[in-house]
Protein backbone atom coordinates (compact mmCIF):
# COMPACT_ATOMS: atom_id res chain seq x y z
CA PRO A 1 14.55 -23.38 -7.68
CA HIS A 2 10.02 -23.17 -7.05
CA PRO A 3 8.64 -21.10 -4.88
CA THR A 4 6.64 -22.22 -1.63
CA PRO A 5 2.99 -22.10 -3.56
CA LEU A 6 0.69 -19.57 -2.32
CA THR A 7 -2.87 -19.63 -0.66
CA ALA A 8 -5.61 -18.01 -1.08
CA MET A 9 -7.45 -16.27 2.27
CA ASP A 10 -10.75 -18.28 3.14
CA ASP A 11 -12.34 -14.85 3.90
CA CYS A 12 -12.11 -13.40 0.20
CA LYS A 13 -15.36 -12.25 -0.89
CA HIS A 14 -15.50 -13.98 -4.12
CA THR A 15 -15.51 -17.99 -3.80
CA LEU A 16 -13.52 -17.34 -7.75
CA CYS A 17 -10.63 -16.05 -6.29
CA LEU A 18 -7.80 -18.49 -6.59
CA PRO A 19 -4.13 -18.67 -4.72
CA ALA A 20 -1.49 -16.35 -6.61
CA ALA A 21 0.11 -18.53 -9.53
CA VAL A 22 3.86 -19.91 -8.48
CA PHE A 23 5.76 -18.00 -11.05
CA ALA A 24 8.23 -20.10 -13.13
CA GLY A 25 10.90 -18.64 -14.99
CA PRO A 26 14.64 -18.82 -16.09
CA GLU A 27 16.98 -20.23 -14.03
CA ARG A 28 18.91 -17.59 -11.73
CA SER A 29 22.14 -16.59 -10.59
CA PRO A 30 22.64 -17.36 -6.60
CA SER A 31 20.86 -14.57 -4.23
CA ARG A 32 22.60 -12.96 -1.32
CA HIS A 33 22.34 -15.98 1.43
CA ALA A 34 21.41 -19.40 1.40
CA THR A 35 17.94 -19.97 2.10
CA HIS A 36 16.33 -20.64 5.32
CA LYS A 37 14.26 -24.04 6.37
CA SER A 38 11.41 -22.41 7.95
CA SER A 39 8.09 -21.18 5.69
CA SER A 40 8.21 -18.12 3.51
CA GLY A 41 8.59 -14.51 5.70
CA VAL A 42 9.67 -16.46 8.91
CA LEU A 43 12.69 -16.39 10.46
CA ALA A 44 13.65 -19.67 12.83
CA ASP A 45 13.17 -17.51 15.64
CA GLY A 46 9.95 -16.31 14.53
CA LEU A 47 10.59 -12.83 14.78
CA MET A 48 11.42 -10.69 12.41
CA VAL A 49 11.26 -11.77 8.42
CA SER A 50 14.64 -12.22 6.75
CA ALA A 51 14.21 -10.14 3.22
CA PHE A 52 16.97 -10.19 -0.14
CA ASP A 53 17.78 -13.61 0.47
CA LYS A 54 17.04 -16.65 -1.62
CA ARG A 55 13.93 -17.36 0.28
CA PHE A 56 13.00 -13.91 -0.16
CA ASP A 57 14.11 -13.85 -3.92
CA ASP A 58 11.90 -17.17 -4.46
CA HIS A 59 8.65 -15.83 -2.74
CA PHE A 60 8.54 -13.20 -4.62
CA GLY A 61 10.29 -14.11 -7.68
CA ILE A 62 12.90 -11.37 -8.41
CA ASN A 63 16.97 -11.65 -8.07
CA SER A 64 17.89 -9.30 -5.66
CA ASP A 65 21.42 -9.29 -6.60
CA LEU A 66 20.66 -7.84 -9.87
CA ILE A 67 18.49 -4.96 -8.72
CA GLU A 68 20.89 -2.54 -8.82
CA GLY A 69 21.97 -2.65 -12.63
CA ALA A 70 18.10 -3.21 -13.41
CA LEU A 71 17.59 0.59 -11.34
CA ASP A 72 20.25 2.21 -13.31
CA GLY A 73 19.42 0.72 -16.83
CA THR A 74 22.57 -1.26 -17.38
CA LEU A 75 21.53 -4.74 -16.99
CA HIS A 76 19.55 -5.37 -20.05
CA ALA A 77 17.36 -4.00 -22.81
CA SER A 78 13.91 -4.98 -20.49
CA CYS A 79 15.97 -2.81 -17.82
CA ALA A 80 16.95 0.30 -20.22
CA SER A 81 13.91 2.88 -19.15
CA PHE A 82 14.40 2.21 -15.69
CA PRO A 83 16.40 5.74 -14.86
CA GLU A 84 13.30 7.29 -16.44
CA LYS A 85 10.42 5.42 -14.54
CA LYS A 86 12.38 6.36 -11.31
CA LEU A 87 11.23 9.94 -12.12
CA GLN A 88 7.94 9.28 -13.54
CA PRO A 89 5.28 8.64 -10.83
CA PRO A 90 2.64 6.72 -12.88
CA ALA A 91 5.58 4.05 -13.71
CA TRP A 92 5.76 3.30 -9.87
CA GLY A 93 2.99 0.44 -9.88
CA ILE A 94 3.00 -2.31 -8.05
CA LYS A 95 0.77 -5.86 -9.84
CA VAL A 96 -2.00 -6.92 -7.38
CA SER A 97 -0.45 -9.65 -7.82
CA LEU A 98 2.56 -9.08 -6.08
CA LEU A 99 0.66 -6.79 -3.30
CA TRP A 100 -0.85 -10.09 -2.27
CA LYS A 101 2.81 -11.80 -1.74
CA ILE A 102 3.41 -9.11 0.41
CA TRP A 103 0.76 -9.99 2.38
CA LEU A 104 1.10 -13.34 2.03
CA TYR A 105 4.79 -12.95 3.04
CA ILE A 106 4.45 -10.46 6.29
CA LYS A 107 0.97 -11.65 7.61
CA ASP A 108 2.44 -14.32 10.54
CA ASP A 109 5.05 -11.00 11.78
CA LEU A 110 2.69 -8.14 11.34
CA ARG A 111 0.02 -9.86 13.04
CA GLY A 112 2.25 -11.41 15.73
CA TYR A 113 4.22 -7.66 16.31
CA ALA A 114 0.92 -5.66 16.53
CA ALA A 115 -0.44 -8.30 19.15
CA ALA A 116 2.48 -7.57 21.11
CA HIS A 117 2.91 -4.23 20.92
CA HIS A 118 1.48 -0.81 22.01
CA VAL A 119 1.29 2.38 19.81
CA ASP A 120 0.84 6.49 20.16
CA ARG A 121 0.67 8.97 18.13
CA THR A 122 4.08 9.65 17.42
CA ARG A 123 4.17 6.08 16.39
CA ARG A 124 6.83 5.28 19.72
CA HIS A 125 6.05 1.21 19.63
CA ARG A 126 6.09 0.23 23.61
CA CYS A 127 6.59 -3.41 24.25
CA LEU A 128 3.88 -5.27 26.10
CA VAL A 129 6.53 -7.59 27.73
CA PRO A 130 10.12 -6.87 29.67
CA ASN A 131 12.69 -8.09 28.11
CA CYS A 132 10.95 -8.66 23.98
CA PHE A 133 12.19 -10.62 21.87
CA TRP A 134 10.49 -9.23 18.57
CA GLY A 135 13.19 -7.99 16.50
CA HIS A 136 12.44 -4.10 16.05
CA ALA A 137 12.29 -2.12 12.50
CA LEU A 138 15.23 -0.28 11.36
CA GLY A 139 14.34 3.18 12.95
CA SER A 140 11.07 2.61 15.33
CA SER A 141 11.26 4.08 18.46
CA VAL A 142 10.37 1.28 20.99
CA VAL A 143 9.44 2.05 24.85
CA GLN A 144 9.81 -0.56 27.65
CA ALA A 145 6.68 -2.35 28.73
CA SER A 146 7.97 -1.28 31.96
CA ASP A 147 6.64 2.51 30.67
CA ARG A 148 3.36 3.05 32.40
CA ASP A 149 2.71 5.88 30.08
CA ASN A 150 -1.24 6.15 28.88
CA SER A 151 -1.23 7.89 25.59
CA PHE A 152 -0.19 4.25 24.35
CA TRP A 153 -3.29 1.93 22.98
CA GLN A 154 -3.12 -1.36 20.94
CA MET A 155 -1.05 -1.55 17.46
CA MET A 156 -3.14 -2.34 14.67
CA PRO A 157 -1.67 -4.54 11.87
CA ASP A 158 -2.31 -1.15 9.50
CA MET A 159 -0.47 0.21 6.84
CA HIS A 160 1.87 2.54 9.21
CA LEU A 161 3.11 -0.82 10.62
CA VAL A 162 3.34 -1.91 7.25
CA VAL A 163 6.02 1.07 6.12
CA GLN A 164 7.87 1.04 9.14
CA ARG A 165 8.25 -2.75 9.95
CA TYR A 166 8.85 -3.87 6.16
CA VAL A 167 8.95 -1.03 3.45
CA LYS A 168 11.80 1.12 5.43
CA PRO A 169 13.47 -1.71 5.70
CA TRP A 170 13.59 -2.76 2.63
CA THR A 171 14.13 0.15 0.84
CA SER A 172 17.09 1.40 3.02
CA GLY A 173 19.26 2.51 0.34
CA TYR A 174 17.73 3.08 -2.32
CA THR A 175 15.79 5.90 -3.72
CA VAL A 176 12.71 4.64 -4.86
CA GLY A 177 9.95 2.70 -3.43
CA LEU A 178 8.99 -0.67 -2.80
CA SER A 179 7.49 -0.44 -6.11
CA THR A 180 9.91 -0.03 -7.99
CA VAL A 181 12.73 -2.01 -5.95
CA LEU A 182 10.71 -5.56 -6.39
CA ASN A 183 9.93 -4.53 -10.08
CA ALA A 184 13.37 -3.96 -11.00
CA GLY A 185 13.91 -7.18 -9.20
CA SER A 186 11.93 -9.15 -11.28
CA ILE A 187 12.68 -7.72 -14.55
CA ALA A 188 15.95 -8.20 -13.97
CA TRP A 189 15.72 -12.24 -14.11
CA SER A 190 12.34 -12.54 -16.46
CA GLN A 191 13.29 -10.04 -19.11
CA LYS A 192 9.44 -8.51 -19.72
CA ASP A 193 8.22 -5.68 -20.64
CA ALA A 194 8.80 -3.21 -17.70
CA ASP A 195 5.61 -1.09 -18.41
CA LEU A 196 3.95 -4.62 -18.08
CA PHE A 197 4.71 -4.14 -14.71
CA CYS A 198 5.46 -0.48 -13.62
CA MET A 199 2.41 1.37 -15.42
CA ALA A 200 -0.19 1.71 -13.15
CA SER A 201 -3.60 1.96 -14.70
CA VAL A 202 -5.86 2.14 -10.91
CA PHE A 203 -5.09 4.46 -8.50
CA ILE A 204 -5.58 3.41 -4.80
CA SER A 205 -7.11 5.57 -2.40
CA HIS A 206 -7.21 4.60 1.52
CA SER A 207 -5.98 5.45 4.73
CA TRP A 208 -3.61 4.02 6.51
CA GLY A 209 -4.83 2.95 9.54
CA GLU A 210 -7.07 0.22 8.27
CA ALA A 211 -6.04 -3.16 8.91
CA PHE A 212 -3.58 -3.76 6.02
CA GLN A 213 -4.81 -8.11 5.64
CA ASP A 214 -8.44 -6.26 4.62
CA PHE A 215 -6.83 -3.93 1.96
CA ALA A 216 -4.80 -6.52 0.69
CA ASN A 217 -8.39 -8.92 0.44
CA THR A 218 -9.97 -5.93 -1.06
CA LEU A 219 -7.72 -5.70 -4.02
CA HIS A 220 -6.64 -9.12 -4.40
CA CYS A 221 -11.03 -10.48 -4.77
CA SER A 222 -11.78 -7.37 -6.71
CA LEU A 223 -9.12 -6.84 -9.23
CA ASP A 224 -7.31 -9.10 -11.91
CA PRO A 225 -3.73 -9.86 -10.71
CA ASP A 226 -2.23 -8.55 -13.55
CA THR A 227 -3.82 -5.00 -12.85
CA CYS A 228 -0.92 -2.34 -11.67
CA VAL A 229 -1.97 -0.21 -9.11
CA TRP A 230 -0.62 2.81 -7.56
CA VAL A 231 -0.35 2.61 -4.16
CA CYS A 232 2.07 5.80 -2.34
CA SER A 233 3.05 3.51 0.82
CA PHE A 234 4.95 1.43 -1.68
CA ALA A 235 5.29 4.09 -4.67
CA LEU A 236 6.66 6.71 -3.27
CA CYS A 237 10.16 6.74 -1.21
CA GLN A 238 9.61 6.34 2.77
CA TRP A 239 12.81 7.68 3.70
CA SER A 240 12.49 10.88 1.44
CA ASP A 241 11.06 14.02 2.17
CA ILE A 242 7.22 13.09 0.82
CA SER A 243 6.36 16.62 2.28
CA ALA A 244 8.40 18.51 -0.02
CA SER A 245 6.90 16.79 -2.88
CA LEU A 246 3.26 18.11 -1.84
CA SER A 247 3.97 21.97 -2.89
CA SER A 248 2.23 21.84 -5.67
CA LEU A 249 -0.93 19.75 -5.40
CA GLU A 250 -1.66 19.74 -8.88
CA LYS A 251 1.99 18.58 -9.66
CA CYS A 252 2.63 16.21 -6.97
CA PRO A 253 3.44 13.04 -7.84
CA PHE A 254 -0.38 11.40 -6.34
CA ALA A 255 -1.67 14.16 -8.68
CA VAL A 256 0.29 13.36 -11.69
CA ALA A 257 -0.27 9.38 -11.01
CA MET A 258 -4.07 9.80 -10.67
CA HIS A 259 -3.66 12.23 -14.01
CA ALA A 260 -2.39 8.98 -16.06
CA ALA A 261 -4.62 6.71 -14.59
CA LYS A 262 -7.53 5.21 -15.94
CA ARG A 263 -9.62 5.06 -12.56
CA VAL A 264 -9.40 5.97 -9.17
CA LEU A 265 -10.87 2.95 -6.77
CA VAL A 266 -11.34 3.83 -2.83
CA VAL A 267 -10.44 1.53 -0.41
CA THR A 268 -12.15 0.97 2.74
CA ASP A 269 -13.32 -0.98 5.85
CA LYS A 270 -15.76 -0.63 8.38
CA SER A 271 -14.40 1.84 10.25
CA ALA A 272 -14.82 3.71 6.72
CA GLU A 273 -12.12 5.59 8.10
CA ALA A 274 -11.08 6.63 5.03
CA LEU A 275 -13.58 8.49 4.27
CA GLU A 276 -12.25 10.94 7.40
CA ARG A 277 -8.82 11.72 5.61
CA CYS A 278 -7.96 14.83 4.05
CA TRP A 279 -6.11 13.31 1.44
CA VAL A 280 -8.79 10.68 0.68
CA VAL A 281 -11.46 13.38 0.18
CA PHE A 282 -9.04 15.49 -1.92
CA GLU A 283 -8.63 12.79 -4.17
CA ALA A 284 -12.06 11.96 -4.70
CA ALA A 285 -12.53 16.05 -5.81
CA LEU A 286 -9.75 15.63 -8.08
CA ALA A 287 -10.73 12.00 -9.78
CA HIS A 288 -13.99 14.41 -10.37
CA HIS A 289 -12.06 17.15 -11.78
CA LEU A 290 -10.16 14.49 -14.06
CA GLY A 291 -12.99 13.09 -15.10
CA LYS A 292 -11.77 9.70 -13.78
CA VAL A 293 -13.85 6.24 -12.89
CA TYR A 294 -14.30 6.42 -9.26
CA ASP A 295 -15.44 3.61 -7.18
CA ILE A 296 -15.41 2.19 -3.60
CA SER A 297 -15.16 -1.03 -2.44
CA LEU A 298 -14.99 -3.20 0.36
CA PRO A 299 -13.97 -6.58 2.04
CA ASP A 300 -16.83 -7.78 1.42
CA ASP A 301 -19.20 -5.76 -0.97
CA SER A 302 -22.52 -7.57 0.11
CA ASP A 303 -21.88 -6.14 3.76
CA ALA A 304 -25.07 -4.20 3.67
CA ALA A 305 -24.12 -2.70 7.63
CA THR A 306 -20.60 -1.34 6.12
CA TRP A 307 -22.50 0.62 3.06
CA GLN A 308 -24.57 1.66 5.68
CA ILE A 309 -21.85 3.47 7.94
CA VAL A 310 -19.96 4.95 4.45
CA GLY A 311 -23.03 6.48 3.93
CA SER A 312 -23.34 7.83 7.31
CA LYS A 313 -19.83 8.82 6.86
CA LEU A 314 -20.81 10.59 3.62
CA GLU A 315 -23.72 12.59 4.80
CA GLN A 316 -21.66 13.92 7.73
CA LEU A 317 -18.04 14.66 5.41
CA ASP A 318 -16.33 18.18 5.67
CA VAL A 319 -13.46 17.78 4.58
CA GLN A 320 -12.10 21.38 7.48
CA GLN A 321 -13.01 18.44 9.96
CA CYS A 322 -10.78 15.35 8.09
CA ARG A 323 -7.14 13.81 9.56
CA ALA A 324 -4.22 14.24 8.21
CA SER A 325 -1.54 12.33 9.63
CA ASN A 326 0.97 15.54 8.68
CA VAL A 327 -0.71 18.58 9.56
CA ARG A 328 0.98 20.75 6.77
CA ASP A 329 -0.69 18.67 4.72
CA LYS A 330 -4.33 19.42 5.45
CA GLU A 331 -3.11 23.12 5.74
CA GLU A 332 -1.98 22.80 1.89
CA ILE A 333 -4.75 21.19 0.76
CA LEU A 334 -7.27 23.30 2.44
CA ASN A 335 -5.76 26.60 1.30
CA TYR A 336 -5.64 24.97 -2.29
CA ILE A 337 -9.29 23.76 -1.64
CA ARG A 338 -10.26 27.45 -1.08
CA LYS A 339 -8.49 28.75 -3.90
CA ASN A 340 -9.11 26.37 -6.74
CA SER A 341 -12.19 24.30 -6.15
CA GLY A 342 -14.94 27.58 -5.29
CA GLY A 343 -14.39 26.55 -1.39
CA THR A 344 -14.64 23.82 1.12
CA SER A 345 -18.44 23.60 1.06
CA ALA A 346 -18.26 23.12 -2.98
CA LEU A 347 -16.40 20.56 -2.63
CA ASN A 348 -17.85 19.12 0.08
CA GLU A 349 -20.92 18.66 -2.25
CA THR A 350 -18.95 17.42 -5.09
CA VAL A 351 -17.44 14.67 -3.17
CA ARG A 352 -20.35 13.35 -1.37
CA GLN A 353 -22.15 13.47 -4.77
CA VAL A 354 -19.11 11.28 -6.66
CA ALA A 355 -18.53 9.02 -3.27
CA LYS A 356 -22.84 8.13 -3.30
CA ILE A 357 -23.00 7.01 -7.30
CA ALA A 358 -19.63 4.84 -6.77
CA MET A 359 -21.32 3.52 -3.79
CA HIS A 360 -24.95 2.83 -5.48
CA ARG A 361 -22.78 1.54 -8.16
CA ALA A 362 -20.41 -1.42 -5.30
CA LYS A 363 -24.10 -2.60 -4.31
CA LEU A 364 -25.44 -3.05 -7.45
CA MET A 365 -23.21 -4.85 -8.65
CA ALA A 366 -22.49 -7.47 -5.74
CA SER A 367 -26.06 -7.79 -5.57
CA ALA A 368 -26.60 -9.03 -9.08
């Protein structure tokens, strides 16, 4: 069977962005369920996307029935390295083309669900209408429309929602991140070299609070489809105690992955929120320390107004004022900076200079 052809977004910032290639490969054994008749990523009722059925497999070019055998390394020679790769953060990468397919698969459900719900700081979801018919993701805390708590605001279709609604449900029962799960399914079928799918050459630094559409579109239009990127939300197992892995910032998965990567790319949107996040600022300093090429990319690199916002955020940058979803993460980062980076003032200045150079380079390339 062949997957439904993929369509590139109309707002791609480069006119040469092409539709993702249709995956062609050998015949597979049957997937877990019969295919649905509706379009990719949308169930018949339109209220929750399916996963690991025939349509899912066709869309992503995987065989979900063989994932566990691939992860165990027992399926065939191409999968033999997976037991080791599960322990190596640089091997938790995802191809840009595969990340783009994730966006295409979930986009209608993601937009629709976000429009129908409010959210609060603890990531509780409040339905906007009584008797909400939307399927609610595994583990989501849902509040009914009758609750008039004013601490809620309109939900954004951002990475927080992507992780809650898709990444965690799709990786339930596994001890690895979504990148590794999908890579295992792909290699199980194609029998291609696992390193081509797994080893990340570009470390992506970004904010979970920015629109996932902009994030996916920026990578799709800025990088080659075969580029393997390291994105924390897909690389890490979202069911594990991620904070526990940060006990040593120099040895945590983020640092190990960046050390192995060739470059670091900051992805942000018109809010430039990424520059207000502790992790993004720390990653900029770490990239400088490791001598990595450091770049910034927008959904549209020719957008002068957004670059002005980025520049303004850089002038005001102060890691002590930056935010983190986990208070413990911020404390660990600040303690590390005070002990190892010459203090917060020195780090702030380093990050400003590194980011300004990256911003200037991106603007020059956009105007060329």
